[in-house]
Amino acid sequence: MLLRDPDALVLCEIGIGIAWASILAMPYAILASSLPQAKLGIFMGLFNVFVVLPQLLVATVMGSIMKAFFPGEPIWTMAFAAATLLVAAAGALRIGQGT
């Protein structure tokens, strides 16, 4: 155990909160800087759909997938999520700078 004082967890929670806010906001900031202002609302709405639908899908079926492929070993679900995150990061690197 790295932290012995429960009050020190508050600092960790603050750090996680800042990171989470950045994770949620940065894709929209990247997208907004490369879209035409006249159609910004339409494209942001579509982008939001493509963010929310996968979240709903995973929330709906991940329990069944975990029981089928990783019974009693939930750590492999996190490893799968980490691998998926790396694939998404590699895809994000392919996004060019807006002109």
PDB file of N, CA and C in Angstrom:
ATOM      1  N   MET A   1       0.847  -1.174   0.000  1.00  0.00           N
ATOM      2  CA  MET A   1       0.000   0.000   0.000  1.00  0.00           C
ATOM      3  C   MET A   1       0.892   1.237   0.000  1.00  0.00           C
ATOM      4  N   LEU A   2       0.625   2.138  -0.908  1.00  0.00           N
ATOM      5  CA  LEU A   2       1.472   3.313  -1.028  1.00  0.00           C
ATOM      6  C   LEU A   2       1.106   4.412  -0.053  1.00  0.00           C
ATOM      7  N   LEU A   3      -0.178   4.600   0.177  1.00  0.00           N
ATOM      8  CA  LEU A   3      -0.627   5.659   1.070  1.00  0.00           C
ATOM      9  C   LEU A   3      -1.134   5.051   2.375  1.00  0.00           C
ATOM     10  N   ARG A   4      -0.640   5.550   3.467  1.00  0.00           N
ATOM     11  CA  ARG A   4      -1.070   5.049   4.772  1.00  0.00           C
ATOM     12  C   ARG A   4      -2.114   5.968   5.416  1.00  0.00           C
ATOM     13  N   ASP A   5      -2.164   7.201   4.968  1.00  0.00           N
ATOM     14  CA  ASP A   5      -3.091   8.182   5.536  1.00  0.00           C
ATOM     15  C   ASP A   5      -4.311   8.313   4.617  1.00  0.00           C
ATOM     16  N   PRO A   6      -5.506   7.991   5.116  1.00  0.00           N
ATOM     17  CA  PRO A   6      -6.700   8.099   4.266  1.00  0.00           C
ATOM     18  C   PRO A   6      -6.954   9.511   3.755  1.00  0.00           C
ATOM     19  N   ASP A   7      -6.511  10.517   4.506  1.00  0.00           N
ATOM     20  CA  ASP A   7      -6.707  11.894   4.055  1.00  0.00           C
ATOM     21  C   ASP A   7      -5.873  12.210   2.816  1.00  0.00           C
ATOM     22  N   ALA A   8      -4.787  11.473   2.608  1.00  0.00           N
ATOM     23  CA  ALA A   8      -3.957  11.699   1.421  1.00  0.00           C
ATOM     24  C   ALA A   8      -4.680  11.264   0.148  1.00  0.00           C
ATOM     25  N   LEU A   9      -5.691  10.426   0.307  1.00  0.00           N
ATOM     26  CA  LEU A   9      -6.454  10.005  -0.868  1.00  0.00           C
ATOM     27  C   LEU A   9      -7.205  11.164  -1.507  1.00  0.00           C
ATOM     28  N   VAL A  10      -7.481  12.194  -0.740  1.00  0.00           N
ATOM     29  CA  VAL A  10      -8.171  13.360  -1.294  1.00  0.00           C
ATOM     30  C   VAL A  10      -7.336  13.972  -2.423  1.00  0.00           C
ATOM     31  N   LEU A  11      -6.037  14.058  -2.236  1.00  0.00           N
ATOM     32  CA  LEU A  11      -5.163  14.589  -3.292  1.00  0.00           C
ATOM     33  C   LEU A  11      -5.215  13.705  -4.534  1.00  0.00           C
ATOM     34  N   CYS A  12      -5.233  12.401  -4.324  1.00  0.00           N
ATOM     35  CA  CYS A  12      -5.338  11.479  -5.456  1.00  0.00           C
ATOM     36  C   CYS A  12      -6.669  11.675  -6.188  1.00  0.00           C
ATOM     37  N   GLU A  13      -7.739  11.839  -5.430  1.00  0.00           N
ATOM     38  CA  GLU A  13      -9.049  12.042  -6.033  1.00  0.00           C
ATOM     39  C   GLU A  13      -9.102  13.343  -6.831  1.00  0.00           C
ATOM     40  N   ILE A  14      -8.473  14.377  -6.319  1.00  0.00           N
ATOM     41  CA  ILE A  14      -8.421  15.649  -7.049  1.00  0.00           C
ATOM     42  C   ILE A  14      -7.657  15.471  -8.361  1.00  0.00           C
ATOM     43  N   GLY A  15      -6.537  14.775  -8.303  1.00  0.00           N
ATOM     44  CA  GLY A  15      -5.760  14.513  -9.525  1.00  0.00           C
ATOM     45  C   GLY A  15      -6.545  13.712 -10.542  1.00  0.00           C
ATOM     46  N   ILE A  16      -7.258  12.695 -10.073  1.00  0.00           N
ATOM     47  CA  ILE A  16      -8.077  11.890 -10.979  1.00  0.00           C
ATOM     48  C   ILE A  16      -9.201  12.734 -11.562  1.00  0.00           C
ATOM     49  N   GLY A  17      -9.788  13.614 -10.769  1.00  0.00           N
ATOM     50  CA  GLY A  17     -10.844  14.489 -11.260  1.00  0.00           C
ATOM     51  C   GLY A  17     -10.355  15.435 -12.339  1.00  0.00           C
ATOM     52  N   ILE A  18      -9.177  15.998 -12.151  1.00  0.00           N
ATOM     53  CA  ILE A  18      -8.604  16.896 -13.166  1.00  0.00           C
ATOM     54  C   ILE A  18      -8.301  16.124 -14.449  1.00  0.00           C
ATOM     55  N   ALA A  19      -7.730  14.935 -14.301  1.00  0.00           N
ATOM     56  CA  ALA A  19      -7.436  14.112 -15.480  1.00  0.00           C
ATOM     57  C   ALA A  19      -8.728  13.730 -16.198  1.00  0.00           C
ATOM     58  N   TRP A  20      -9.750  13.343 -15.440  1.00  0.00           N
ATOM     59  CA  TRP A  20     -11.014  12.945 -16.042  1.00  0.00           C
ATOM     60  C   TRP A  20     -11.661  14.114 -16.785  1.00  0.00           C
ATOM     61  N   ALA A  21     -11.616  15.300 -16.214  1.00  0.00           N
ATOM     62  CA  ALA A  21     -12.172  16.478 -16.885  1.00  0.00           C
ATOM     63  C   ALA A  21     -11.442  16.736 -18.203  1.00  0.00           C
ATOM     64  N   SER A  22     -10.142  16.567 -18.195  1.00  0.00           N
ATOM     65  CA  SER A  22      -9.358  16.752 -19.411  1.00  0.00           C
ATOM     66  C   SER A  22      -9.693  15.693 -20.456  1.00  0.00           C
ATOM     67  N   ILE A  23      -9.825  14.448 -20.006  1.00  0.00           N
ATOM     68  CA  ILE A  23     -10.155  13.362 -20.921  1.00  0.00           C
ATOM     69  C   ILE A  23     -11.498  13.618 -21.595  1.00  0.00           C
ATOM     70  N   LEU A  24     -12.444  14.140 -20.847  1.00  0.00           N
ATOM     71  CA  LEU A  24     -13.763  14.385 -21.413  1.00  0.00           C
ATOM     72  C   LEU A  24     -13.806  15.629 -22.296  1.00  0.00           C
ATOM     73  N   ALA A  25     -13.027  16.641 -21.974  1.00  0.00           N
ATOM     74  CA  ALA A  25     -13.118  17.912 -22.690  1.00  0.00           C
ATOM     75  C   ALA A  25     -12.221  17.987 -23.926  1.00  0.00           C
ATOM     76  N   MET A  26     -11.073  17.355 -23.901  1.00  0.00           N
ATOM     77  CA  MET A  26     -10.109  17.535 -24.992  1.00  0.00           C
ATOM     78  C   MET A  26     -10.627  17.097 -26.366  1.00  0.00           C
ATOM     79  N   PRO A  27     -11.319  15.972 -26.502  1.00  0.00           N
ATOM     80  CA  PRO A  27     -11.814  15.631 -27.850  1.00  0.00           C
ATOM     81  C   PRO A  27     -12.720  16.704 -28.435  1.00  0.00           C
ATOM     82  N   TYR A  28     -13.556  17.302 -27.592  1.00  0.00           N
ATOM     83  CA  TYR A  28     -14.443  18.363 -28.081  1.00  0.00           C
ATOM     84  C   TYR A  28     -13.652  19.610 -28.448  1.00  0.00           C
ATOM     85  N   ALA A  29     -12.623  19.934 -27.679  1.00  0.00           N
ATOM     86  CA  ALA A  29     -11.789  21.101 -27.995  1.00  0.00           C
ATOM     87  C   ALA A  29     -11.029  20.881 -29.303  1.00  0.00           C
ATOM     88  N   ILE A  30     -10.511  19.677 -29.497  1.00  0.00           N
ATOM     89  CA  ILE A  30      -9.801  19.358 -30.741  1.00  0.00           C
ATOM     90  C   ILE A  30     -10.757  19.465 -31.921  1.00  0.00           C
ATOM     91  N   LEU A  31     -11.942  18.909 -31.761  1.00  0.00           N
ATOM     92  CA  LEU A  31     -12.920  18.925 -32.842  1.00  0.00           C
ATOM     93  C   LEU A  31     -13.400  20.338 -33.143  1.00  0.00           C
ATOM     94  N   ALA A  32     -13.683  21.115 -32.119  1.00  0.00           N
ATOM     95  CA  ALA A  32     -14.207  22.468 -32.317  1.00  0.00           C
ATOM     96  C   ALA A  32     -13.232  23.355 -33.069  1.00  0.00           C
ATOM     97  N   SER A  33     -11.945  23.125 -32.874  1.00  0.00           N
ATOM     98  CA  SER A  33     -10.958  23.971 -33.559  1.00  0.00           C
ATOM     99  C   SER A  33     -10.815  23.624 -35.036  1.00  0.00           C
ATOM    100  N   SER A  34     -11.359  22.489 -35.466  1.00  0.00           N
ATOM    101  CA  SER A  34     -11.184  22.108 -36.863  1.00  0.00           C
ATOM    102  C   SER A  34     -12.505  22.072 -37.638  1.00  0.00           C
ATOM    103  N   LEU A  35     -13.580  22.567 -37.064  1.00  0.00           N
ATOM    104  CA  LEU A  35     -14.876  22.546 -37.739  1.00  0.00           C
ATOM    105  C   LEU A  35     -15.282  23.942 -38.193  1.00  0.00           C
ATOM    106  N   PRO A  36     -16.077  24.012 -39.270  1.00  0.00           N
ATOM    107  CA  PRO A  36     -16.618  25.321 -39.657  1.00  0.00           C
ATOM    108  C   PRO A  36     -17.621  25.791 -38.602  1.00  0.00           C
ATOM    109  N   GLN A  37     -17.540  27.052 -38.225  1.00  0.00           N
ATOM    110  CA  GLN A  37     -18.377  27.585 -37.151  1.00  0.00           C
ATOM    111  C   GLN A  37     -19.870  27.516 -37.479  1.00  0.00           C
ATOM    112  N   ALA A  38     -20.221  27.581 -38.763  1.00  0.00           N
ATOM    113  CA  ALA A  38     -21.634  27.567 -39.145  1.00  0.00           C
ATOM    114  C   ALA A  38     -22.297  26.227 -38.844  1.00  0.00           C
ATOM    115  N   LYS A  39     -21.541  25.151 -38.850  1.00  0.00           N
ATOM    116  CA  LYS A  39     -22.108  23.817 -38.612  1.00  0.00           C
ATOM    117  C   LYS A  39     -21.565  23.178 -37.340  1.00  0.00           C
ATOM    118  N   LEU A  40     -21.047  23.975 -36.446  1.00  0.00           N
ATOM    119  CA  LEU A  40     -20.418  23.463 -35.229  1.00  0.00           C
ATOM    120  C   LEU A  40     -21.399  22.645 -34.382  1.00  0.00           C
ATOM    121  N   GLY A  41     -22.616  23.132 -34.209  1.00  0.00           N
ATOM    122  CA  GLY A  41     -23.595  22.434 -33.382  1.00  0.00           C
ATOM    123  C   GLY A  41     -23.964  21.068 -33.938  1.00  0.00           C
ATOM    124  N   ILE A  42     -24.140  20.991 -35.234  1.00  0.00           N
ATOM    125  CA  ILE A  42     -24.498  19.721 -35.873  1.00  0.00           C
ATOM    126  C   ILE A  42     -23.385  18.698 -35.692  1.00  0.00           C
ATOM    127  N   PHE A  43     -22.165  19.099 -35.999  1.00  0.00           N
ATOM    128  CA  PHE A  43     -21.045  18.166 -35.900  1.00  0.00           C
ATOM    129  C   PHE A  43     -20.757  17.775 -34.455  1.00  0.00           C
ATOM    130  N   MET A  44     -20.901  18.706 -33.535  1.00  0.00           N
ATOM    131  CA  MET A  44     -20.674  18.376 -32.124  1.00  0.00           C
ATOM    132  C   MET A  44     -21.733  17.394 -31.633  1.00  0.00           C
ATOM    133  N   GLY A  45     -22.974  17.580 -32.070  1.00  0.00           N
ATOM    134  CA  GLY A  45     -24.033  16.648 -31.708  1.00  0.00           C
ATOM    135  C   GLY A  45     -23.777  15.255 -32.244  1.00  0.00           C
ATOM    136  N   LEU A  46     -23.357  15.161 -33.493  1.00  0.00           N
ATOM    137  CA  LEU A  46     -23.030  13.852 -34.079  1.00  0.00           C
ATOM    138  C   LEU A  46     -21.846  13.209 -33.359  1.00  0.00           C
ATOM    139  N   PHE A  47     -20.852  14.010 -33.064  1.00  0.00           N
ATOM    140  CA  PHE A  47     -19.687  13.489 -32.345  1.00  0.00           C
ATOM    141  C   PHE A  47     -20.109  12.959 -30.979  1.00  0.00           C
ATOM    142  N   ASN A  48     -20.996  13.680 -30.317  1.00  0.00           N
ATOM    143  CA  ASN A  48     -21.469  13.255 -29.004  1.00  0.00           C
ATOM    144  C   ASN A  48     -22.200  11.914 -29.095  1.00  0.00           C
ATOM    145  N   VAL A  49     -22.977  11.711 -30.154  1.00  0.00           N
ATOM    146  CA  VAL A  49     -23.652  10.427 -30.357  1.00  0.00           C
ATOM    147  C   VAL A  49     -22.627   9.302 -30.469  1.00  0.00           C
ATOM    148  N   PHE A  50     -21.555   9.546 -31.210  1.00  0.00           N
ATOM    149  CA  PHE A  50     -20.533   8.515 -31.390  1.00  0.00           C
ATOM    150  C   PHE A  50     -19.666   8.315 -30.147  1.00  0.00           C
ATOM    151  N   VAL A  51     -19.789   9.193 -29.172  1.00  0.00           N
ATOM    152  CA  VAL A  51     -19.133   8.992 -27.879  1.00  0.00           C
ATOM    153  C   VAL A  51     -20.064   8.223 -26.941  1.00  0.00           C
ATOM    154  N   VAL A  52     -21.326   8.615 -26.933  1.00  0.00           N
ATOM    155  CA  VAL A  52     -22.280   8.049 -25.970  1.00  0.00           C
ATOM    156  C   VAL A  52     -22.714   6.635 -26.352  1.00  0.00           C
ATOM    157  N   LEU A  53     -22.955   6.369 -27.620  1.00  0.00           N
ATOM    158  CA  LEU A  53     -23.419   5.036 -28.016  1.00  0.00           C
ATOM    159  C   LEU A  53     -22.457   3.914 -27.613  1.00  0.00           C
ATOM    160  N   PRO A  54     -21.156   4.046 -27.843  1.00  0.00           N
ATOM    161  CA  PRO A  54     -20.258   2.988 -27.365  1.00  0.00           C
ATOM    162  C   PRO A  54     -20.275   2.830 -25.849  1.00  0.00           C
ATOM    163  N   GLN A  55     -20.427   3.934 -25.120  1.00  0.00           N
ATOM    164  CA  GLN A  55     -20.502   3.842 -23.662  1.00  0.00           C
ATOM    165  C   GLN A  55     -21.739   3.055 -23.237  1.00  0.00           C
ATOM    166  N   LEU A  56     -22.870   3.327 -23.877  1.00  0.00           N
ATOM    167  CA  LEU A  56     -24.097   2.590 -23.564  1.00  0.00           C
ATOM    168  C   LEU A  56     -23.960   1.117 -23.927  1.00  0.00           C
ATOM    169  N   LEU A  57     -23.340   0.838 -25.063  1.00  0.00           N
ATOM    170  CA  LEU A  57     -23.134  -0.544 -25.487  1.00  0.00           C
ATOM    171  C   LEU A  57     -22.276  -1.311 -24.483  1.00  0.00           C
ATOM    172  N   VAL A  58     -21.175  -0.718 -24.087  1.00  0.00           N
ATOM    173  CA  VAL A  58     -20.292  -1.373 -23.121  1.00  0.00           C
ATOM    174  C   VAL A  58     -20.995  -1.555 -21.781  1.00  0.00           C
ATOM    175  N   ALA A  59     -21.715  -0.549 -21.341  1.00  0.00           N
ATOM    176  CA  ALA A  59     -22.423  -0.666 -20.067  1.00  0.00           C
ATOM    177  C   ALA A  59     -23.470  -1.777 -20.117  1.00  0.00           C
ATOM    178  N   THR A  60     -24.032  -2.016 -21.294  1.00  0.00           N
ATOM    179  CA  THR A  60     -25.067  -3.026 -21.437  1.00  0.00           C
ATOM    180  C   THR A  60     -24.507  -4.445 -21.522  1.00  0.00           C
ATOM    181  N   VAL A  61     -23.424  -4.638 -22.277  1.00  0.00           N
ATOM    182  CA  VAL A  61     -22.965  -6.002 -22.564  1.00  0.00           C
ATOM    183  C   VAL A  61     -21.669  -6.407 -21.874  1.00  0.00           C
ATOM    184  N   MET A  62     -20.949  -5.481 -21.258  1.00  0.00           N
ATOM    185  CA  MET A  62     -19.640  -5.833 -20.705  1.00  0.00           C
ATOM    186  C   MET A  62     -19.736  -6.848 -19.573  1.00  0.00           C
ATOM    187  N   GLY A  63     -20.797  -6.794 -18.790  1.00  0.00           N
ATOM    188  CA  GLY A  63     -20.964  -7.783 -17.725  1.00  0.00           C
ATOM    189  C   GLY A  63     -21.050  -9.194 -18.280  1.00  0.00           C
ATOM    190  N   SER A  64     -21.809  -9.371 -19.354  1.00  0.00           N
ATOM    191  CA  SER A  64     -21.937 -10.692 -19.984  1.00  0.00           C
ATOM    192  C   SER A  64     -20.622 -11.136 -20.607  1.00  0.00           C
ATOM    193  N   ILE A  65     -19.921 -10.198 -21.254  1.00  0.00           N
ATOM    194  CA  ILE A  65     -18.631 -10.533 -21.863  1.00  0.00           C
ATOM    195  C   ILE A  65     -17.628 -10.933 -20.787  1.00  0.00           C
ATOM    196  N   MET A  66     -17.641 -10.214 -19.685  1.00  0.00           N
ATOM    197  CA  MET A  66     -16.707 -10.518 -18.600  1.00  0.00           C
ATOM    198  C   MET A  66     -16.974 -11.910 -18.032  1.00  0.00           C
ATOM    199  N   LYS A  67     -18.244 -12.249 -17.840  1.00  0.00           N
ATOM    200  CA  LYS A  67     -18.575 -13.573 -17.317  1.00  0.00           C
ATOM    201  C   LYS A  67     -18.225 -14.673 -18.304  1.00  0.00           C
ATOM    202  N   ALA A  68     -18.389 -14.410 -19.605  1.00  0.00           N
ATOM    203  CA  ALA A  68     -18.130 -15.435 -20.617  1.00  0.00           C
ATOM    204  C   ALA A  68     -16.637 -15.660 -20.852  1.00  0.00           C
ATOM    205  N   PHE A  69     -15.854 -14.585 -20.932  1.00  0.00           N
ATOM    206  CA  PHE A  69     -14.444 -14.715 -21.302  1.00  0.00           C
ATOM    207  C   PHE A  69     -13.485 -14.648 -20.121  1.00  0.00           C
ATOM    208  N   PHE A  70     -13.858 -13.935 -19.067  1.00  0.00           N
ATOM    209  CA  PHE A  70     -12.952 -13.748 -17.929  1.00  0.00           C
ATOM    210  C   PHE A  70     -13.643 -14.083 -16.611  1.00  0.00           C
ATOM    211  N   PRO A  71     -14.194 -15.290 -16.464  1.00  0.00           N
ATOM    212  CA  PRO A  71     -14.904 -15.593 -15.213  1.00  0.00           C
ATOM    213  C   PRO A  71     -13.952 -15.577 -14.017  1.00  0.00           C
ATOM    214  N   GLY A  72     -14.285 -14.778 -13.046  1.00  0.00           N
ATOM    215  CA  GLY A  72     -13.461 -14.705 -11.841  1.00  0.00           C
ATOM    216  C   GLY A  72     -12.159 -13.953 -12.004  1.00  0.00           C
ATOM    217  N   GLU A  73     -11.908 -13.370 -13.168  1.00  0.00           N
ATOM    218  CA  GLU A  73     -10.660 -12.641 -13.436  1.00  0.00           C
ATOM    219  C   GLU A  73     -10.970 -11.273 -14.041  1.00  0.00           C
ATOM    220  N   PRO A  74     -11.544 -10.340 -13.278  1.00  0.00           N
ATOM    221  CA  PRO A  74     -11.908  -9.038 -13.853  1.00  0.00           C
ATOM    222  C   PRO A  74     -10.710  -8.204 -14.290  1.00  0.00           C
ATOM    223  N   ILE A  75      -9.516  -8.554 -13.838  1.00  0.00           N
ATOM    224  CA  ILE A  75      -8.333  -7.788 -14.248  1.00  0.00           C
ATOM    225  C   ILE A  75      -8.124  -7.844 -15.760  1.00  0.00           C
ATOM    226  N   TRP A  76      -8.531  -8.941 -16.392  1.00  0.00           N
ATOM    227  CA  TRP A  76      -8.371  -9.053 -17.844  1.00  0.00           C
ATOM    228  C   TRP A  76      -9.305  -8.114 -18.585  1.00  0.00           C
ATOM    229  N   THR A  77     -10.420  -7.786 -17.957  1.00  0.00           N
ATOM    230  CA  THR A  77     -11.303  -6.788 -18.552  1.00  0.00           C
ATOM    231  C   THR A  77     -10.599  -5.433 -18.588  1.00  0.00           C
ATOM    232  N   MET A  78      -9.880  -5.105 -17.525  1.00  0.00           N
ATOM    233  CA  MET A  78      -9.139  -3.841 -17.498  1.00  0.00           C
ATOM    234  C   MET A  78      -7.991  -3.863 -18.501  1.00  0.00           C
ATOM    235  N   ALA A  79      -7.351  -5.021 -18.662  1.00  0.00           N
ATOM    236  CA  ALA A  79      -6.282  -5.138 -19.665  1.00  0.00           C
ATOM    237  C   ALA A  79      -6.849  -4.933 -21.071  1.00  0.00           C
ATOM    238  N   PHE A  80      -8.023  -5.489 -21.319  1.00  0.00           N
ATOM    239  CA  PHE A  80      -8.680  -5.292 -22.612  1.00  0.00           C
ATOM    240  C   PHE A  80      -9.007  -3.817 -22.826  1.00  0.00           C
ATOM    241  N   ALA A  81      -9.502  -3.163 -21.773  1.00  0.00           N
ATOM    242  CA  ALA A  81      -9.810  -1.732 -21.862  1.00  0.00           C
ATOM    243  C   ALA A  81      -8.536  -0.924 -22.132  1.00  0.00           C
ATOM    244  N   ALA A  82      -7.434  -1.301 -21.492  1.00  0.00           N
ATOM    245  CA  ALA A  82      -6.163  -0.597 -21.707  1.00  0.00           C
ATOM    246  C   ALA A  82      -5.684  -0.768 -23.147  1.00  0.00           C
ATOM    247  N   ALA A  83      -5.828  -1.969 -23.683  1.00  0.00           N
ATOM    248  CA  ALA A  83      -5.429  -2.207 -25.079  1.00  0.00           C
ATOM    249  C   ALA A  83      -6.294  -1.375 -26.027  1.00  0.00           C
ATOM    250  N   THR A  84      -7.581  -1.306 -25.739  1.00  0.00           N
ATOM    251  CA  THR A  84      -8.479  -0.493 -26.557  1.00  0.00           C
ATOM    252  C   THR A  84      -8.103   0.983 -26.482  1.00  0.00           C
ATOM    253  N   LEU A  85      -7.724   1.439 -25.294  1.00  0.00           N
ATOM    254  CA  LEU A  85      -7.296   2.821 -25.120  1.00  0.00           C
ATOM    255  C   LEU A  85      -6.040   3.116 -25.946  1.00  0.00           C
ATOM    256  N   LEU A  86      -5.109   2.179 -25.992  1.00  0.00           N
ATOM    257  CA  LEU A  86      -3.903   2.366 -26.799  1.00  0.00           C
ATOM    258  C   LEU A  86      -4.225   2.444 -28.286  1.00  0.00           C
ATOM    259  N   VAL A  87      -5.163   1.623 -28.742  1.00  0.00           N
ATOM    260  CA  VAL A  87      -5.581   1.685 -30.149  1.00  0.00           C
ATOM    261  C   VAL A  87      -6.216   3.048 -30.442  1.00  0.00           C
ATOM    262  N   ALA A  88      -7.049   3.534 -29.530  1.00  0.00           N
ATOM    263  CA  ALA A  88      -7.674   4.849 -29.715  1.00  0.00           C
ATOM    264  C   ALA A  88      -6.634   5.961 -29.714  1.00  0.00           C
ATOM    265  N   ALA A  89      -5.626   5.850 -28.847  1.00  0.00           N
ATOM    266  CA  ALA A  89      -4.566   6.863 -28.804  1.00  0.00           C
ATOM    267  C   ALA A  89      -3.781   6.875 -30.110  1.00  0.00           C
ATOM    268  N   ALA A  90      -3.503   5.697 -30.642  1.00  0.00           N
ATOM    269  CA  ALA A  90      -2.798   5.626 -31.932  1.00  0.00           C
ATOM    270  C   ALA A  90      -3.644   6.253 -33.033  1.00  0.00           C
ATOM    271  N   GLY A  91      -4.948   6.028 -32.981  1.00  0.00           N
ATOM    272  CA  GLY A  91      -5.829   6.654 -33.961  1.00  0.00           C
ATOM    273  C   GLY A  91      -5.860   8.165 -33.812  1.00  0.00           C
ATOM    274  N   ALA A  92      -5.839   8.646 -32.583  1.00  0.00           N
ATOM    275  CA  ALA A  92      -5.861  10.091 -32.344  1.00  0.00           C
ATOM    276  C   ALA A  92      -4.587  10.763 -32.852  1.00  0.00           C
ATOM    277  N   LEU A  93      -3.475  10.039 -32.845  1.00  0.00           N
ATOM    278  CA  LEU A  93      -2.236  10.606 -33.370  1.00  0.00           C
ATOM    279  C   LEU A  93      -2.292  10.860 -34.864  1.00  0.00           C
ATOM    280  N   ARG A  94      -3.207  10.184 -35.536  1.00  0.00           N
ATOM    281  CA  ARG A  94      -3.341  10.361 -36.972  1.00  0.00           C
ATOM    282  C   ARG A  94      -4.161  11.592 -37.345  1.00  0.00           C
ATOM    283  N   ILE A  95      -4.760  12.255 -36.359  1.00  0.00           N
ATOM    284  CA  ILE A  95      -5.556  13.451 -36.633  1.00  0.00           C
ATOM    285  C   ILE A  95      -4.603  14.591 -36.955  1.00  0.00           C
ATOM    286  N   GLY A  96      -4.803  15.198 -38.091  1.00  0.00           N
ATOM    287  CA  GLY A  96      -3.941  16.298 -38.509  1.00  0.00           C
ATOM    288  C   GLY A  96      -4.328  17.613 -37.863  1.00  0.00           C
ATOM    289  N   GLN A  97      -3.433  18.578 -37.931  1.00  0.00           N
ATOM    290  CA  GLN A  97      -3.706  19.920 -37.412  1.00  0.00           C
ATOM    291  C   GLN A  97      -4.690  20.615 -38.335  1.00  0.00           C
ATOM    292  N   GLY A  98      -5.615  21.355 -37.714  1.00  0.00           N
ATOM    293  CA  GLY A  98      -6.573  22.142 -38.507  1.00  0.00           C
ATOM    294  C   GLY A  98      -5.854  23.291 -39.212  1.00  0.00           C
ATOM    295  N   THR A  99      -6.381  23.677 -40.342  1.00  0.00           N
ATOM    296  CA  THR A  99      -5.756  24.786 -41.079  1.00  0.00           C
ATOM    297  C   THR A  99      -6.441  26.092 -40.805  1.00  0.00           C
TER     298      THR A  99
END
